[in-house]
Protein backbone atom coordinates (compact mmCIF):
# COMPACT_ATOMS: atom_id res chain seq x y z
CA MET A 1 69.27 245.00 151.54
CA GLY A 2 69.37 248.73 151.32
CA LEU A 3 66.65 251.28 150.81
CA VAL A 4 66.59 252.47 147.18
CA GLU A 5 64.81 255.62 146.05
CA PHE A 6 61.72 254.79 143.98
CA SER A 7 63.07 256.67 140.94
CA ASN A 8 66.37 254.73 141.07
CA VAL A 9 64.93 251.21 140.95
CA ASP A 10 65.59 249.22 137.77
CA TRP A 11 62.27 247.37 137.65
CA GLN A 12 63.54 244.93 134.96
CA ASP A 13 60.02 244.63 133.47
CA LYS A 14 57.53 247.18 132.08
CA LYS A 15 54.55 245.64 133.88
CA VAL A 16 56.39 245.56 137.22
CA ALA A 17 57.25 249.24 136.72
CA GLU A 18 53.63 250.01 135.79
CA PHE A 19 52.29 248.34 138.94
CA ALA A 20 54.87 250.11 141.11
CA THR A 21 54.00 253.49 139.59
CA TYR A 22 50.27 252.86 140.04
CA TRP A 23 50.72 251.82 143.68
CA ASN A 24 53.01 254.73 144.44
CA GLY A 25 50.27 257.09 143.23
CA LEU A 26 47.61 255.82 145.65
CA GLY A 27 46.46 258.00 148.55
CA ARG A 28 48.18 257.51 151.87
CA GLU A 29 46.31 257.63 155.13
CA GLN A 30 48.67 257.03 158.06
CA GLY A 31 51.47 256.89 155.47
CA LEU A 32 49.89 253.96 153.61
CA PRO A 33 46.91 253.42 151.33
CA TYR A 34 44.08 251.19 152.42
CA GLN A 35 43.98 247.99 150.38
CA SER A 36 40.46 249.06 149.36
CA GLU A 37 41.98 252.06 147.53
CA PHE A 38 43.56 249.62 145.10
CA ASN A 39 41.21 249.74 142.10
CA PRO A 40 41.60 246.55 140.02
CA ALA A 41 39.86 248.18 137.04
CA LYS A 42 42.80 250.59 136.65
CA VAL A 43 45.30 247.76 136.23
CA ARG A 44 43.01 245.00 134.94
CA HIS A 45 45.69 243.56 132.64
CA LEU A 46 48.01 243.09 135.64
CA LEU A 47 45.54 241.15 137.81
CA PRO A 48 46.78 237.68 136.82
CA GLY A 49 50.14 238.55 138.44
CA ILE A 50 48.74 240.03 141.68
CA ALA A 51 49.01 238.36 145.07
CA ILE A 52 47.88 239.76 148.42
CA TYR A 53 49.51 238.64 151.66
CA GLU A 54 48.70 239.29 155.30
CA LEU A 55 51.21 239.13 158.13
CA LYS A 56 49.44 237.32 160.97
CA PRO A 57 50.17 237.96 164.69
CA ASN A 58 51.82 234.51 164.98
CA GLY A 59 54.29 235.43 162.19
CA ASP A 60 52.67 233.38 159.43
CA ILE A 61 52.20 235.12 156.08
CA LEU A 62 48.77 234.19 154.76
CA CYS A 63 48.20 234.39 151.01
CA ARG A 64 44.79 236.05 150.82
CA LEU A 65 44.60 236.09 147.02
CA MET A 66 46.65 234.68 144.17
CA GLY A 67 46.15 235.86 140.59
CA THR A 68 45.26 233.31 137.94
CA GLY A 69 48.52 233.86 136.06
CA LEU A 70 50.52 233.04 139.17
CA SER A 71 48.33 229.99 139.85
CA GLU A 72 48.97 228.78 136.31
CA GLN A 73 52.74 229.29 136.61
CA PHE A 74 52.86 227.60 140.02
CA GLY A 75 50.61 224.75 138.93
CA TRP A 76 48.42 225.29 142.00
CA ASP A 77 46.71 228.07 143.93
CA TYR A 78 48.24 228.79 147.34
CA THR A 79 45.46 231.14 148.47
CA ASP A 80 44.82 230.51 152.19
CA HIS A 81 48.25 228.91 152.60
CA ASN A 82 51.21 230.17 154.62
CA PHE A 83 53.60 231.79 152.11
CA LEU A 84 56.54 230.77 154.31
CA GLU A 85 55.89 227.11 153.41
CA LEU A 86 57.28 227.86 149.94
CA TRP A 87 60.64 228.90 151.41
CA ALA A 88 63.37 226.75 152.92
CA GLU A 89 62.92 226.74 156.69
CA GLU A 90 66.22 228.55 157.26
CA HIS A 91 64.82 231.52 155.29
CA HIS A 92 61.51 231.86 157.18
CA ASP A 93 62.84 234.49 159.60
CA ILE A 94 64.44 236.50 156.78
CA VAL A 95 61.23 236.54 154.73
CA ARG A 96 59.13 237.39 157.79
CA GLU A 97 61.48 240.23 158.76
CA SER A 98 61.37 241.61 155.20
CA PHE A 99 57.58 241.77 155.41
CA LYS A 100 57.77 243.39 158.86
CA THR A 101 60.25 245.98 157.57
CA ALA A 102 58.06 246.86 154.58
CA LEU A 103 55.02 247.27 156.83
CA SER A 104 56.72 249.25 159.59
CA LYS A 105 59.05 251.55 157.62
CA PRO A 106 56.87 251.65 155.35
CA CYS A 107 58.53 250.77 152.05
CA GLY A 108 58.20 248.45 149.09
CA ILE A 109 60.07 245.22 148.43
CA PHE A 110 61.56 244.44 145.01
CA ASN A 111 62.80 240.88 144.43
CA LYS A 112 64.40 238.85 141.71
CA MET A 113 62.91 235.45 142.45
CA HIS A 114 63.39 231.85 141.41
CA GLY A 115 60.55 229.37 141.73
CA ILE A 116 61.75 225.77 141.74
CA SER A 117 59.43 223.07 140.41
CA GLU A 118 59.12 219.47 141.58
CA THR A 119 61.48 218.37 138.79
CA GLY A 120 63.97 221.17 139.48
CA ILE A 121 63.00 223.54 136.66
CA VAL A 122 63.68 227.16 137.62
CA ILE A 123 61.07 229.81 136.85
CA LYS A 124 62.50 233.33 137.08
CA ALA A 125 60.39 236.30 138.12
CA ASN A 126 60.60 239.92 139.14
CA SER A 127 58.28 240.82 141.97
CA VAL A 128 57.38 244.04 143.75
CA GLY A 129 55.20 244.38 146.82
CA PHE A 130 53.84 247.39 148.65
CA PRO A 131 52.28 247.70 152.10
CA ALA A 132 48.62 248.51 152.68
CA LEU A 133 46.21 248.99 155.53
CA ASP A 134 43.44 246.49 156.13
CA GLY A 135 39.85 247.64 156.67
CA ASP A 136 40.57 248.36 160.35
CA GLY A 137 43.56 250.58 159.55
CA ASN A 138 46.21 248.01 160.51
CA ALA A 139 49.39 247.79 158.42
CA VAL A 140 49.34 244.02 157.88
CA ARG A 141 48.88 243.62 154.11
CA LEU A 142 51.30 243.55 151.21
CA VAL A 143 50.09 243.63 147.62
CA PHE A 144 52.56 242.13 145.14
CA TYR A 145 52.82 242.02 141.39
CA SER A 146 55.05 239.37 139.82
CA ALA A 147 56.12 238.97 136.21
CA THR A 148 57.55 235.58 135.32
CA GLU A 149 59.96 234.76 132.54
CA GLU A 150 59.23 231.69 130.47
CA PRO A 151 61.68 228.88 131.26
CA ASN A 152 63.84 227.61 128.40
CA VAL A 153 62.33 224.14 128.74
CA VAL A 154 58.84 222.79 128.25
CA ARG A 155 57.02 222.45 131.56
CA GLU A 156 53.46 221.43 132.34
CA PRO A 157 52.79 223.42 135.53
CA ARG A 158 49.85 221.29 136.76
CA ARG A 159 52.08 218.21 136.59
CA ASP A 160 55.27 219.94 137.74
CA LYS A 161 54.25 222.35 140.48
CA VAL A 162 56.43 225.08 141.95
CA ILE A 163 57.25 223.92 145.46
CA LYS A 164 60.01 226.29 146.60
CA ILE A 165 60.95 229.93 146.17
CA LYS A 166 64.37 231.55 146.49
CA THR A 167 65.35 235.17 146.13
CA GLN A 168 68.26 236.08 143.91
CA GLY A 169 68.37 239.67 145.09
CA GLN A 170 66.19 242.07 147.01
CA CYS A 171 65.99 245.72 147.87
CA PHE A 172 63.60 247.86 149.84
CA VAL A 173 61.96 250.67 147.87
CA ALA A 174 61.42 254.11 149.40
CA LEU A 175 57.90 255.42 148.91
CA ASP A 176 57.71 258.95 147.47
């Protein structure tokens, strides 16, 4: 998982690239923007794919907000849940360390993800997350945008919920 220059990332999706470009243009106090500098009105059409996470002192990753589009794809809303619960236990430390790296370096995270439903259907997505300061100036938040691809099979998300996530490739993104 190397550090890739922002201009060299192949975002795979126009909306992912748009979110990344918007985020990269935000002001940076202490090297990072405050989450409050994120203006939803400027990227209104992307809001259904937005999720905000907070790295807690105990190592949990709390989902503070999940966009409606993600909730619909997942078949449930995992706001207020520990994001690590969606990953196989042997990947918890890797995911946690990726979040810590993005917050401390600071840098973005770009992932090619697979969500796996209860019946084994795979939902592919591209996801990018960038670090942000909370209201107290602590670097504990990551704001993600995810764009999912439609699976080649019919799936009713509310009856066939996404229960696991795997990454199919990840890189860290240098902030300009």
